[in-house]
């Protein structure tokens, strides 16, 4: 049975203020809950129906608190329009990051990506293309927003998102001498460029692109050529195209 206090707490986790205060975030849906159970993320308490919990072999899991509940109770607590059989309330992990982790790999850098759906999709794209770290401006949507978590389809368990002042980040990253790529309307055709196996790829805000303050740190401007009349691409779609071309060149031995 889910107590009234827990229902109240679950509902409150839709708000960043509550997530920050309690250091908790919400995971809903059987697939995502199963993903988080098998990750290193600490679950404060897990709620599930009898059928869902019996499928997990819960006696083999390390859980702080396990709550068996009816589907009706879960429906009352859930933030989803179509609730499933499980809810996990999880601890926000500590941000453990050092700049040297970026050497020898691709990293995404997000300059004020504000739409939760875009952020969640970009995290999912990063996971698909083997990108382990995303550096994000403080103004970027909150990773632990339930809408972001849903859009990642579980990729948040494998991709680290680090929020930091981007100017300070690039000043510090200079010591690594990594190439820095950025998506611009006036950039060079991405399909004509020789792309590296390591570096930082900067994607800009949905409406304004990459901020003027960051332009001096970018030494390779990329552009995705268009063949129709649309003014621009959705940022998550553009991220997927650019990441795909980086990986294609590696696979083709270019």
C-alpha atoms as a PDB file:
ATOM      1  CA  UNK A   1       0.000   0.000   0.000  1.00  0.00           C
ATOM      2  CA  UNK A   2       1.251   3.496  -0.875  1.00  0.00           C
ATOM      3  CA  UNK A   3       0.955   5.982   1.984  1.00  0.00           C
ATOM      4  CA  UNK A   4      -0.502   9.437   1.446  1.00  0.00           C
ATOM      5  CA  UNK A   5       2.880  10.973   2.278  1.00  0.00           C
ATOM      6  CA  UNK A   6       4.589   8.948  -0.432  1.00  0.00           C
ATOM      7  CA  UNK A   7       1.944   9.871  -2.993  1.00  0.00           C
ATOM      8  CA  UNK A   8       2.452  13.525  -2.060  1.00  0.00           C
ATOM      9  CA  UNK A   9       6.220  13.154  -2.383  1.00  0.00           C
ATOM     10  CA  UNK A  10       5.964  11.412  -5.778  1.00  0.00           C
ATOM     11  CA  UNK A  11       3.728  14.188  -7.100  1.00  0.00           C
ATOM     12  CA  UNK A  12       6.140  16.839  -5.794  1.00  0.00           C
ATOM     13  CA  UNK A  13       9.022  15.368  -7.824  1.00  0.00           C
ATOM     14  CA  UNK A  14       7.553  16.945 -10.927  1.00  0.00           C
ATOM     15  CA  UNK A  15       9.070  20.182  -9.570  1.00  0.00           C
ATOM     16  CA  UNK A  16      12.798  20.912  -9.690  1.00  0.00           C
ATOM     17  CA  UNK A  17      12.660  22.640  -6.295  1.00  0.00           C
ATOM     18  CA  UNK A  18      11.455  19.444  -4.639  1.00  0.00           C
ATOM     19  CA  UNK A  19      13.948  17.256  -6.515  1.00  0.00           C
ATOM     20  CA  UNK A  20      16.826  19.497  -5.448  1.00  0.00           C
ATOM     21  CA  UNK A  21      15.681  19.717  -1.844  1.00  0.00           C
ATOM     22  CA  UNK A  22      15.165  15.975  -1.380  1.00  0.00           C
ATOM     23  CA  UNK A  23      17.920  14.795  -3.781  1.00  0.00           C
ATOM     24  CA  UNK A  24      15.351  12.469  -5.324  1.00  0.00           C
ATOM     25  CA  UNK A  25      13.938  11.881  -8.796  1.00  0.00           C
ATOM     26  CA  UNK A  26      11.181   9.781 -10.298  1.00  0.00           C
ATOM     27  CA  UNK A  27      11.349   6.862 -12.728  1.00  0.00           C
ATOM     28  CA  UNK A  28       8.132   5.399 -14.117  1.00  0.00           C
ATOM     29  CA  UNK A  29       7.266   2.613 -16.544  1.00  0.00           C
ATOM     30  CA  UNK A  30       8.281  -1.026 -16.419  1.00  0.00           C
ATOM     31  CA  UNK A  31      11.160  -0.751 -18.912  1.00  0.00           C
ATOM     32  CA  UNK A  32      12.729   2.297 -17.285  1.00  0.00           C
ATOM     33  CA  UNK A  33      12.270   0.952 -13.761  1.00  0.00           C
ATOM     34  CA  UNK A  34      13.899  -2.336 -14.782  1.00  0.00           C
ATOM     35  CA  UNK A  35      16.797  -0.379 -16.333  1.00  0.00           C
ATOM     36  CA  UNK A  36      17.372   1.628 -13.159  1.00  0.00           C
ATOM     37  CA  UNK A  37      17.174  -1.508 -10.972  1.00  0.00           C
ATOM     38  CA  UNK A  38      20.103  -2.982 -12.880  1.00  0.00           C
ATOM     39  CA  UNK A  39      22.132   0.245 -12.859  1.00  0.00           C
ATOM     40  CA  UNK A  40      24.304   1.805 -10.162  1.00  0.00           C
ATOM     41  CA  UNK A  41      21.639   4.372  -9.288  1.00  0.00           C
ATOM     42  CA  UNK A  42      20.348   4.003  -5.730  1.00  0.00           C
ATOM     43  CA  UNK A  43      16.615   3.389  -5.403  1.00  0.00           C
ATOM     44  CA  UNK A  44      15.078   4.995  -2.340  1.00  0.00           C
ATOM     45  CA  UNK A  45      11.906   2.935  -2.696  1.00  0.00           C
ATOM     46  CA  UNK A  46      10.348   0.765  -5.373  1.00  0.00           C
ATOM     47  CA  UNK A  47       6.615   0.418  -5.890  1.00  0.00           C
ATOM     48  CA  UNK A  48       5.095  -2.294  -8.042  1.00  0.00           C
ATOM     49  CA  UNK A  49       2.111  -4.517  -8.594  1.00  0.00           C
ATOM     50  CA  UNK A  50       2.263  -8.169  -7.550  1.00  0.00           C
ATOM     51  CA  UNK A  51       2.781  -9.243 -11.169  1.00  0.00           C
ATOM     52  CA  UNK A  52       5.603  -6.777 -11.782  1.00  0.00           C
ATOM     53  CA  UNK A  53       7.463  -7.548  -8.558  1.00  0.00           C
ATOM     54  CA  UNK A  54       7.179 -11.313  -9.062  1.00  0.00           C
ATOM     55  CA  UNK A  55       8.913 -10.926 -12.425  1.00  0.00           C
ATOM     56  CA  UNK A  56      11.950  -9.276 -10.820  1.00  0.00           C
ATOM     57  CA  UNK A  57      13.118 -11.904  -8.322  1.00  0.00           C
ATOM     58  CA  UNK A  58      13.153  -9.148  -5.704  1.00  0.00           C
ATOM     59  CA  UNK A  59      14.888 -11.372  -3.157  1.00  0.00           C
ATOM     60  CA  UNK A  60      18.052 -10.979  -5.267  1.00  0.00           C
ATOM     61  CA  UNK A  61      17.885  -7.174  -5.374  1.00  0.00           C
ATOM     62  CA  UNK A  62      19.372  -4.641  -2.970  1.00  0.00           C
ATOM     63  CA  UNK A  63      16.495  -2.270  -2.237  1.00  0.00           C
ATOM     64  CA  UNK A  64      16.013   0.185   0.627  1.00  0.00           C
ATOM     65  CA  UNK A  65      12.241  -0.237   0.593  1.00  0.00           C
ATOM     66  CA  UNK A  66       9.856  -2.338  -1.471  1.00  0.00           C
ATOM     67  CA  UNK A  67       6.145  -1.497  -1.644  1.00  0.00           C
ATOM     68  CA  UNK A  68       3.577  -3.805  -3.186  1.00  0.00           C
ATOM     69  CA  UNK A  69       0.578  -1.856  -4.453  1.00  0.00           C
ATOM     70  CA  UNK A  70      -2.502  -2.285  -6.578  1.00  0.00           C
ATOM     71  CA  UNK A  71      -2.766  -0.791 -10.046  1.00  0.00           C
ATOM     72  CA  UNK A  72      -5.401   1.618  -8.711  1.00  0.00           C
ATOM     73  CA  UNK A  73      -2.942   2.950  -6.111  1.00  0.00           C
ATOM     74  CA  UNK A  74      -0.176   3.307  -8.682  1.00  0.00           C
ATOM     75  CA  UNK A  75      -2.550   5.190 -10.972  1.00  0.00           C
ATOM     76  CA  UNK A  76      -3.225   7.685  -8.148  1.00  0.00           C
ATOM     77  CA  UNK A  77       0.476   8.272  -7.515  1.00  0.00           C
ATOM     78  CA  UNK A  78       1.679   8.331 -11.121  1.00  0.00           C
ATOM     79  CA  UNK A  79       2.482  11.423 -13.187  1.00  0.00           C
ATOM     80  CA  UNK A  80       1.881   9.537 -16.448  1.00  0.00           C
ATOM     81  CA  UNK A  81      -1.311   9.694 -18.476  1.00  0.00           C
ATOM     82  CA  UNK A  82      -1.140   5.922 -18.931  1.00  0.00           C
ATOM     83  CA  UNK A  83       0.559   4.532 -15.802  1.00  0.00           C
ATOM     84  CA  UNK A  84       2.227   1.140 -15.913  1.00  0.00           C
ATOM     85  CA  UNK A  85       2.893  -1.307 -13.072  1.00  0.00           C
ATOM     86  CA  UNK A  86       5.866   0.288 -11.358  1.00  0.00           C
ATOM     87  CA  UNK A  87       7.353   3.456  -9.892  1.00  0.00           C
ATOM     88  CA  UNK A  88      10.876   3.982  -8.560  1.00  0.00           C
ATOM     89  CA  UNK A  89      11.932   6.955  -6.448  1.00  0.00           C
ATOM     90  CA  UNK A  90      15.704   7.268  -6.820  1.00  0.00           C
ATOM     91  CA  UNK A  91      18.601   9.160  -5.277  1.00  0.00           C
ATOM     92  CA  UNK A  92      20.167  11.845  -7.460  1.00  0.00           C
ATOM     93  CA  UNK A  93      23.774  10.633  -7.842  1.00  0.00           C
ATOM     94  CA  UNK A  94      26.751  12.815  -7.023  1.00  0.00           C
ATOM     95  CA  UNK A  95      28.380  14.513 -10.005  1.00  0.00           C
ATOM     96  CA  UNK A  96      31.733  12.725 -10.269  1.00  0.00           C
ATOM     97  CA  UNK A  97      33.665  14.208 -13.192  1.00  0.00           C
ATOM     98  CA  UNK A  98      37.206  15.196 -14.134  1.00  0.00           C
ATOM     99  CA  UNK A  99      38.221  16.964 -17.338  1.00  0.00           C
ATOM    100  CA  UNK A 100      40.754  14.257 -18.228  1.00  0.00           C
ATOM    101  CA  UNK A 101      37.849  11.834 -18.765  1.00  0.00           C
ATOM    102  CA  UNK A 102      37.261  13.483 -22.152  1.00  0.00           C
ATOM    103  CA  UNK A 103      40.571  12.443 -23.704  1.00  0.00           C
ATOM    104  CA  UNK A 104      40.327   9.932 -26.533  1.00  0.00           C
ATOM    105  CA  UNK A 105      36.563  10.073 -26.950  1.00  0.00           C
ATOM    106  CA  UNK A 106      33.704  12.144 -28.308  1.00  0.00           C
ATOM    107  CA  UNK A 107      31.776  14.362 -25.909  1.00  0.00           C
ATOM    108  CA  UNK A 108      28.590  16.337 -26.476  1.00  0.00           C
ATOM    109  CA  UNK A 109      28.238  19.870 -25.134  1.00  0.00           C
ATOM    110  CA  UNK A 110      24.762  21.420 -24.897  1.00  0.00           C
ATOM    111  CA  UNK A 111      24.374  25.185 -24.872  1.00  0.00           C
ATOM    112  CA  UNK A 112      20.961  25.923 -23.315  1.00  0.00           C
ATOM    113  CA  UNK A 113      18.834  23.092 -24.675  1.00  0.00           C
ATOM    114  CA  UNK A 114      15.566  23.996 -22.997  1.00  0.00           C
ATOM    115  CA  UNK A 115      13.005  21.456 -24.190  1.00  0.00           C
ATOM    116  CA  UNK A 116      12.899  18.348 -21.938  1.00  0.00           C
ATOM    117  CA  UNK A 117      11.968  16.136 -24.875  1.00  0.00           C
ATOM    118  CA  UNK A 118      14.958  17.349 -26.881  1.00  0.00           C
ATOM    119  CA  UNK A 119      17.331  16.760 -23.978  1.00  0.00           C
ATOM    120  CA  UNK A 120      15.988  13.276 -23.333  1.00  0.00           C
ATOM    121  CA  UNK A 121      16.264  12.374 -27.013  1.00  0.00           C
ATOM    122  CA  UNK A 122      19.835  13.718 -27.207  1.00  0.00           C
ATOM    123  CA  UNK A 123      20.807  11.571 -24.206  1.00  0.00           C
ATOM    124  CA  UNK A 124      19.307   8.566 -25.988  1.00  0.00           C
ATOM    125  CA  UNK A 125      21.245   9.473 -29.166  1.00  0.00           C
ATOM    126  CA  UNK A 126      24.479   9.796 -27.177  1.00  0.00           C
ATOM    127  CA  UNK A 127      23.930   6.346 -25.712  1.00  0.00           C
ATOM    128  CA  UNK A 128      23.296   4.854 -29.176  1.00  0.00           C
ATOM    129  CA  UNK A 129      26.524   6.289 -30.563  1.00  0.00           C
ATOM    130  CA  UNK A 130      28.627   5.363 -27.543  1.00  0.00           C
ATOM    131  CA  UNK A 131      29.048   8.887 -26.165  1.00  0.00           C
ATOM    132  CA  UNK A 132      29.404   8.568 -22.409  1.00  0.00           C
ATOM    133  CA  UNK A 133      29.462  12.210 -21.289  1.00  0.00           C
ATOM    134  CA  UNK A 134      27.362  15.284 -22.004  1.00  0.00           C
ATOM    135  CA  UNK A 135      28.468  18.691 -20.718  1.00  0.00           C
ATOM    136  CA  UNK A 136      25.491  21.030 -20.278  1.00  0.00           C
ATOM    137  CA  UNK A 137      25.046  24.689 -19.440  1.00  0.00           C
ATOM    138  CA  UNK A 138      23.165  25.446 -16.195  1.00  0.00           C
ATOM    139  CA  UNK A 139      20.306  26.797 -18.335  1.00  0.00           C
ATOM    140  CA  UNK A 140      19.823  23.440 -20.060  1.00  0.00           C
ATOM    141  CA  UNK A 141      16.735  21.444 -19.032  1.00  0.00           C
ATOM    142  CA  UNK A 142      17.105  19.381 -15.860  1.00  0.00           C
ATOM    143  CA  UNK A 143      18.173  15.777 -16.463  1.00  0.00           C
ATOM    144  CA  UNK A 144      15.931  14.631 -13.607  1.00  0.00           C
ATOM    145  CA  UNK A 145      12.774  16.259 -14.948  1.00  0.00           C
ATOM    146  CA  UNK A 146      10.353  13.296 -15.346  1.00  0.00           C
ATOM    147  CA  UNK A 147       9.762  14.283 -18.995  1.00  0.00           C
ATOM    148  CA  UNK A 148      13.506  14.068 -19.680  1.00  0.00           C
ATOM    149  CA  UNK A 149      13.793  10.715 -17.912  1.00  0.00           C
ATOM    150  CA  UNK A 150      10.910   9.317 -19.995  1.00  0.00           C
ATOM    151  CA  UNK A 151      12.419  10.577 -23.267  1.00  0.00           C
ATOM    152  CA  UNK A 152      15.795   8.928 -22.578  1.00  0.00           C
ATOM    153  CA  UNK A 153      14.223   5.450 -22.629  1.00  0.00           C
ATOM    154  CA  UNK A 154      16.712   4.388 -19.957  1.00  0.00           C
ATOM    155  CA  UNK A 155      19.826   5.959 -21.489  1.00  0.00           C
ATOM    156  CA  UNK A 156      20.175   8.239 -18.434  1.00  0.00           C
ATOM    157  CA  UNK A 157      21.520   5.179 -16.605  1.00  0.00           C
ATOM    158  CA  UNK A 158      24.546   5.029 -18.932  1.00  0.00           C
ATOM    159  CA  UNK A 159      25.216   8.624 -20.046  1.00  0.00           C
ATOM    160  CA  UNK A 160      26.617  11.141 -17.571  1.00  0.00           C
ATOM    161  CA  UNK A 161      25.252  14.696 -17.809  1.00  0.00           C
ATOM    162  CA  UNK A 162      27.468  17.305 -16.163  1.00  0.00           C
ATOM    163  CA  UNK A 163      26.071  20.805 -15.565  1.00  0.00           C
ATOM    164  CA  UNK A 164      28.664  23.559 -15.493  1.00  0.00           C
ATOM    165  CA  UNK A 165      29.527  27.061 -16.684  1.00  0.00           C
ATOM    166  CA  UNK A 166      30.535  26.397 -20.297  1.00  0.00           C
ATOM    167  CA  UNK A 167      33.030  29.246 -20.599  1.00  0.00           C
ATOM    168  CA  UNK A 168      34.915  27.979 -17.551  1.00  0.00           C
ATOM    169  CA  UNK A 169      34.671  24.439 -18.923  1.00  0.00           C
ATOM    170  CA  UNK A 170      36.271  25.368 -22.256  1.00  0.00           C
ATOM    171  CA  UNK A 171      39.021  27.359 -20.558  1.00  0.00           C
ATOM    172  CA  UNK A 172      39.851  24.309 -18.467  1.00  0.00           C
ATOM    173  CA  UNK A 173      39.533  21.924 -21.432  1.00  0.00           C
ATOM    174  CA  UNK A 174      42.144  23.841 -23.466  1.00  0.00           C
ATOM    175  CA  UNK A 175      44.876  21.836 -21.763  1.00  0.00           C
ATOM    176  CA  UNK A 176      43.571  18.690 -23.487  1.00  0.00           C
ATOM    177  CA  UNK A 177      43.994  20.260 -26.960  1.00  0.00           C
ATOM    178  CA  UNK A 178      40.852  18.534 -28.198  1.00  0.00           C
ATOM    179  CA  UNK A 179      39.182  19.695 -31.417  1.00  0.00           C
ATOM    180  CA  UNK A 180      35.931  21.531 -30.726  1.00  0.00           C
ATOM    181  CA  UNK A 181      33.147  21.227 -33.284  1.00  0.00           C
ATOM    182  CA  UNK A 182      29.986  23.321 -33.381  1.00  0.00           C
ATOM    183  CA  UNK A 183      26.791  23.259 -35.435  1.00  0.00           C
ATOM    184  CA  UNK A 184      26.290  26.511 -37.391  1.00  0.00           C
ATOM    185  CA  UNK A 185      24.204  27.569 -40.373  1.00  0.00           C
ATOM    186  CA  UNK A 186      27.344  29.037 -41.965  1.00  0.00           C
ATOM    187  CA  UNK A 187      29.609  26.080 -41.178  1.00  0.00           C
ATOM    188  CA  UNK A 188      31.383  23.692 -43.544  1.00  0.00           C
ATOM    189  CA  UNK A 189      29.458  20.770 -45.023  1.00  0.00           C
ATOM    190  CA  UNK A 190      29.741  18.025 -42.407  1.00  0.00           C
ATOM    191  CA  UNK A 191      29.928  15.367 -45.132  1.00  0.00           C
ATOM    192  CA  UNK A 192      33.007  17.011 -46.676  1.00  0.00           C
ATOM    193  CA  UNK A 193      34.952  17.373 -43.431  1.00  0.00           C
ATOM    194  CA  UNK A 194      37.461  14.932 -42.035  1.00  0.00           C
ATOM    195  CA  UNK A 195      36.168  14.300 -38.528  1.00  0.00           C
ATOM    196  CA  UNK A 196      38.210  13.009 -35.613  1.00  0.00           C
ATOM    197  CA  UNK A 197      37.629  10.131 -33.222  1.00  0.00           C
ATOM    198  CA  UNK A 198      37.904  12.475 -30.254  1.00  0.00           C
ATOM    199  CA  UNK A 199      36.677  15.963 -29.523  1.00  0.00           C
ATOM    200  CA  UNK A 200      33.785  18.046 -28.257  1.00  0.00           C
ATOM    201  CA  UNK A 201      30.623  18.586 -30.307  1.00  0.00           C
ATOM    202  CA  UNK A 202      28.657  21.701 -29.322  1.00  0.00           C
ATOM    203  CA  UNK A 203      24.923  21.914 -30.039  1.00  0.00           C
ATOM    204  CA  UNK A 204      23.115  25.193 -29.502  1.00  0.00           C
ATOM    205  CA  UNK A 205      19.788  26.441 -28.224  1.00  0.00           C
ATOM    206  CA  UNK A 206      16.610  25.537 -30.143  1.00  0.00           C
ATOM    207  CA  UNK A 207      15.941  29.128 -31.201  1.00  0.00           C
ATOM    208  CA  UNK A 208      19.254  30.970 -30.950  1.00  0.00           C
ATOM    209  CA  UNK A 209      21.887  28.363 -31.727  1.00  0.00           C
ATOM    210  CA  UNK A 210      25.325  28.501 -30.110  1.00  0.00           C
ATOM    211  CA  UNK A 211      25.880  31.619 -28.006  1.00  0.00           C
ATOM    212  CA  UNK A 212      28.355  34.285 -29.144  1.00  0.00           C
ATOM    213  CA  UNK A 213      30.370  33.789 -25.948  1.00  0.00           C
ATOM    214  CA  UNK A 214      31.211  30.210 -26.924  1.00  0.00           C
ATOM    215  CA  UNK A 215      32.108  30.819 -30.564  1.00  0.00           C
ATOM    216  CA  UNK A 216      35.773  31.683 -29.861  1.00  0.00           C
ATOM    217  CA  UNK A 217      36.308  28.213 -28.360  1.00  0.00           C
ATOM    218  CA  UNK A 218      35.019  26.413 -31.472  1.00  0.00           C
ATOM    219  CA  UNK A 219      37.648  25.692 -34.127  1.00  0.00           C
ATOM    220  CA  UNK A 220      35.544  23.599 -36.536  1.00  0.00           C
ATOM    221  CA  UNK A 221      32.138  24.880 -37.654  1.00  0.00           C
ATOM    222  CA  UNK A 222      29.822  22.184 -39.022  1.00  0.00           C
ATOM    223  CA  UNK A 223      26.755  22.527 -41.207  1.00  0.00           C
ATOM    224  CA  UNK A 224      24.213  19.924 -42.305  1.00  0.00           C
ATOM    225  CA  UNK A 225      23.260  20.760 -45.916  1.00  0.00           C
ATOM    226  CA  UNK A 226      19.530  20.957 -46.607  1.00  0.00           C
ATOM    227  CA  UNK A 227      17.737  20.068 -49.806  1.00  0.00           C
ATOM    228  CA  UNK A 228      14.313  21.575 -49.107  1.00  0.00           C
ATOM    229  CA  UNK A 229      12.968  24.873 -47.803  1.00  0.00           C
ATOM    230  CA  UNK A 230      12.826  24.285 -44.028  1.00  0.00           C
ATOM    231  CA  UNK A 231      14.741  26.951 -42.133  1.00  0.00           C
ATOM    232  CA  UNK A 232      16.336  24.600 -39.648  1.00  0.00           C
ATOM    233  CA  UNK A 233      16.404  21.123 -38.122  1.00  0.00           C
ATOM    234  CA  UNK A 234      15.210  20.128 -34.679  1.00  0.00           C
ATOM    235  CA  UNK A 235      18.306  20.109 -32.452  1.00  0.00           C
ATOM    236  CA  UNK A 236      17.944  16.459 -31.471  1.00  0.00           C
ATOM    237  CA  UNK A 237      17.645  15.442 -35.140  1.00  0.00           C
ATOM    238  CA  UNK A 238      20.708  17.549 -35.993  1.00  0.00           C
ATOM    239  CA  UNK A 239      22.615  15.919 -33.120  1.00  0.00           C
ATOM    240  CA  UNK A 240      21.778  12.465 -34.459  1.00  0.00           C
ATOM    241  CA  UNK A 241      22.943  13.339 -37.991  1.00  0.00           C
ATOM    242  CA  UNK A 242      26.233  14.820 -36.791  1.00  0.00           C
ATOM    243  CA  UNK A 243      26.994  11.965 -34.378  1.00  0.00           C
ATOM    244  CA  UNK A 244      26.178   9.462 -37.114  1.00  0.00           C
ATOM    245  CA  UNK A 245      28.639  11.077 -39.509  1.00  0.00           C
ATOM    246  CA  UNK A 246      31.398  11.044 -36.884  1.00  0.00           C
ATOM    247  CA  UNK A 247      30.828   7.337 -36.288  1.00  0.00           C
ATOM    248  CA  UNK A 248      30.418   6.547 -39.997  1.00  0.00           C
ATOM    249  CA  UNK A 249      33.848   7.962 -40.753  1.00  0.00           C
ATOM    250  CA  UNK A 250      35.390   5.841 -38.006  1.00  0.00           C
ATOM    251  CA  UNK A 251      33.686   2.695 -39.304  1.00  0.00           C
ATOM    252  CA  UNK A 252      34.677   3.442 -42.895  1.00  0.00           C
ATOM    253  CA  UNK A 253      38.282   4.065 -41.880  1.00  0.00           C
ATOM    254  CA  UNK A 254      38.260   7.581 -43.276  1.00  0.00           C
END
